[in-house]
Amino acid sequence: MYQRLMLFCFALATSVAANQFLTTCWNPGLTTDGRTLIAECTYKHENKTEQVFKSAVDLNRCLRFNDDGDLAPAANGFFRDKVQLCQLEHPATLNCSRKDKGRVTFELNNVVFNDDGILGCTNYTGVPIESIMKHSD
């Protein structure tokens, strides 16, 4: 039992630490439809070579509205069905106007992660757009 609890705590700590994409990504932005997050992220190879990718993640696969009407992390949450317009506020706060009432915000740094230079969230890894540069330490 103790061993299972320790494994669960380790997995939870690892998944929490895996978020925080802003520690290794920069220039976040949204596409014009407000559904896709784009950023440039680093990937450090085992040989210490560093590569930078521009990638995109579909936030519709990351967020949903909970029972309280707030945005929450969820695989395939399809949040965009309930909002009209979303904008990104500095540095990575998603601010959306809801179709039924008011506005809602969500800190994307709490759910989006950098997976070897590619943005991801929940159980989904986004897509690379381009490789920007490569250099060694």
Protein backbone atom coordinates (compact mmCIF):
# COMPACT_ATOMS: atom_id res chain seq x y z
CA MET A 1 0.00 0.00 0.00
CA TYR A 2 2.75 2.43 0.99
CA GLN A 3 4.64 1.66 -2.21
CA ARG A 4 1.55 2.40 -4.33
CA LEU A 5 1.01 5.67 -2.49
CA MET A 6 4.62 6.68 -3.11
CA LEU A 7 4.33 5.82 -6.81
CA PHE A 8 1.11 7.84 -7.08
CA CYS A 9 2.71 10.85 -5.36
CA PHE A 10 5.75 10.62 -7.63
CA ALA A 11 3.56 10.41 -10.74
CA LEU A 12 1.50 13.37 -9.57
CA ALA A 13 4.58 15.45 -8.82
CA THR A 14 6.05 14.57 -12.21
CA SER A 15 2.88 15.51 -14.07
CA VAL A 16 2.59 18.81 -12.23
CA ALA A 17 6.23 19.64 -12.90
CA ALA A 18 5.77 18.66 -16.55
CA ASN A 19 3.38 21.58 -17.09
CA GLN A 20 4.69 25.14 -16.85
CA PHE A 21 5.53 25.43 -20.54
CA LEU A 22 6.67 29.03 -20.09
CA THR A 23 9.90 27.83 -18.45
CA THR A 24 11.11 26.43 -21.80
CA CYS A 25 8.86 28.17 -24.34
CA TRP A 26 8.41 31.77 -25.45
CA ASN A 27 6.42 33.95 -27.87
CA PRO A 28 3.07 32.30 -27.06
CA GLY A 29 0.16 33.36 -29.22
CA LEU A 30 -3.26 32.25 -30.42
CA THR A 31 -4.42 31.64 -33.96
CA THR A 32 -7.17 33.97 -35.16
CA ASP A 33 -9.90 31.48 -34.21
CA GLY A 34 -8.65 31.55 -30.60
CA ARG A 35 -8.51 27.78 -30.47
CA THR A 36 -4.86 26.96 -31.14
CA LEU A 37 -1.88 27.97 -28.99
CA ILE A 38 1.43 28.49 -30.80
CA ALA A 39 4.85 28.97 -29.18
CA GLU A 40 8.56 28.38 -29.68
CA CYS A 41 10.02 25.71 -27.37
CA THR A 42 13.44 24.23 -26.71
CA TYR A 43 14.39 20.59 -26.79
CA LYS A 44 17.73 19.55 -25.35
CA HIS A 45 19.17 16.39 -26.91
CA GLU A 46 21.23 13.94 -24.83
CA ASN A 47 24.39 15.18 -26.56
CA LYS A 48 23.58 18.68 -25.20
CA THR A 49 22.60 19.97 -28.63
CA GLU A 50 19.61 22.25 -28.28
CA GLN A 51 16.89 22.59 -30.87
CA VAL A 52 14.01 25.07 -31.02
CA PHE A 53 10.65 24.20 -32.52
CA LYS A 54 7.65 26.34 -33.31
CA SER A 55 4.63 24.17 -32.55
CA ALA A 56 0.88 24.32 -32.05
CA VAL A 57 -1.57 22.66 -29.68
CA ASP A 58 -5.35 22.59 -30.15
CA LEU A 59 -6.74 23.92 -26.86
CA ASN A 60 -10.07 22.26 -27.64
CA ARG A 61 -8.26 19.03 -26.74
CA CYS A 62 -7.09 20.51 -23.41
CA LEU A 63 -9.96 22.35 -21.73
CA ARG A 64 -13.63 22.00 -20.82
CA PHE A 65 -16.18 23.94 -18.82
CA ASN A 66 -16.82 22.44 -15.38
CA ASP A 67 -20.17 22.51 -13.54
CA ASP A 68 -19.32 25.92 -12.03
CA GLY A 69 -18.86 27.42 -15.50
CA ASP A 70 -15.09 27.73 -15.19
CA LEU A 71 -12.48 26.37 -17.58
CA ALA A 72 -10.72 23.23 -16.34
CA PRO A 73 -8.14 20.81 -17.78
CA ALA A 74 -9.74 17.89 -19.61
CA ALA A 75 -8.80 15.69 -22.53
CA ASN A 76 -11.04 16.50 -25.50
CA GLY A 77 -13.05 19.03 -23.49
CA PHE A 78 -14.32 20.94 -26.54
CA PHE A 79 -14.51 24.26 -24.67
CA ARG A 80 -14.69 26.31 -27.90
CA ASP A 81 -18.32 25.33 -28.47
CA LYS A 82 -19.34 27.59 -25.57
CA VAL A 83 -17.26 30.70 -26.28
CA GLN A 84 -17.38 33.41 -28.92
CA LEU A 85 -13.91 34.91 -28.79
CA CYS A 86 -10.69 34.03 -26.99
CA GLN A 87 -7.57 36.14 -26.59
CA LEU A 88 -4.22 35.53 -24.96
CA GLU A 89 -3.21 37.94 -22.22
CA HIS A 90 0.37 38.28 -21.06
CA PRO A 91 2.01 35.93 -20.55
CA ALA A 92 -0.32 32.95 -21.06
CA THR A 93 -3.76 33.66 -19.66
CA LEU A 94 -6.59 32.60 -21.94
CA ASN A 95 -9.43 35.14 -21.76
CA CYS A 96 -12.68 34.12 -23.47
CA SER A 97 -16.12 35.65 -23.82
CA ARG A 98 -18.76 33.01 -23.19
CA LYS A 99 -21.80 32.64 -25.42
CA ASP A 100 -24.17 32.46 -22.46
CA LYS A 101 -22.61 34.84 -19.88
CA GLY A 102 -19.63 37.05 -19.21
CA ARG A 103 -15.97 36.21 -19.51
CA VAL A 104 -13.81 33.39 -18.27
CA THR A 105 -10.03 33.18 -17.86
CA PHE A 106 -7.65 30.26 -17.50
CA GLU A 107 -3.89 30.15 -16.88
CA LEU A 108 -2.57 27.94 -19.70
CA ASN A 109 0.78 27.49 -17.95
CA ASN A 110 -1.04 25.13 -15.55
CA VAL A 111 -2.05 22.65 -18.26
CA VAL A 112 0.22 23.14 -21.30
CA PHE A 113 3.64 21.46 -21.33
CA ASN A 114 6.72 21.19 -23.55
CA ASP A 115 7.17 17.63 -24.85
CA ASP A 116 10.61 17.53 -26.50
CA GLY A 117 10.07 20.95 -28.04
CA ILE A 118 6.42 20.38 -28.98
CA LEU A 119 3.52 21.90 -27.05
CA GLY A 120 1.10 19.48 -25.43
CA CYS A 121 -1.65 19.19 -22.83
CA THR A 122 -3.47 16.47 -20.90
CA ASN A 123 -2.86 13.30 -22.99
CA TYR A 124 -2.33 15.15 -26.28
CA THR A 125 0.86 16.31 -27.98
CA GLY A 126 0.50 19.08 -30.54
CA VAL A 127 2.19 19.36 -33.90
CA PRO A 128 5.50 20.90 -34.96
CA ILE A 129 5.23 23.81 -37.38
CA GLU A 130 8.92 24.36 -38.04
CA SER A 131 12.38 23.77 -36.64
CA ILE A 132 13.82 27.20 -35.93
CA MET A 133 17.43 26.69 -34.86
CA LYS A 134 19.91 24.29 -33.43
CA HIS A 135 23.03 24.97 -31.39
CA SER A 136 25.37 23.34 -28.86
CA ASP A 137 26.26 24.47 -25.34
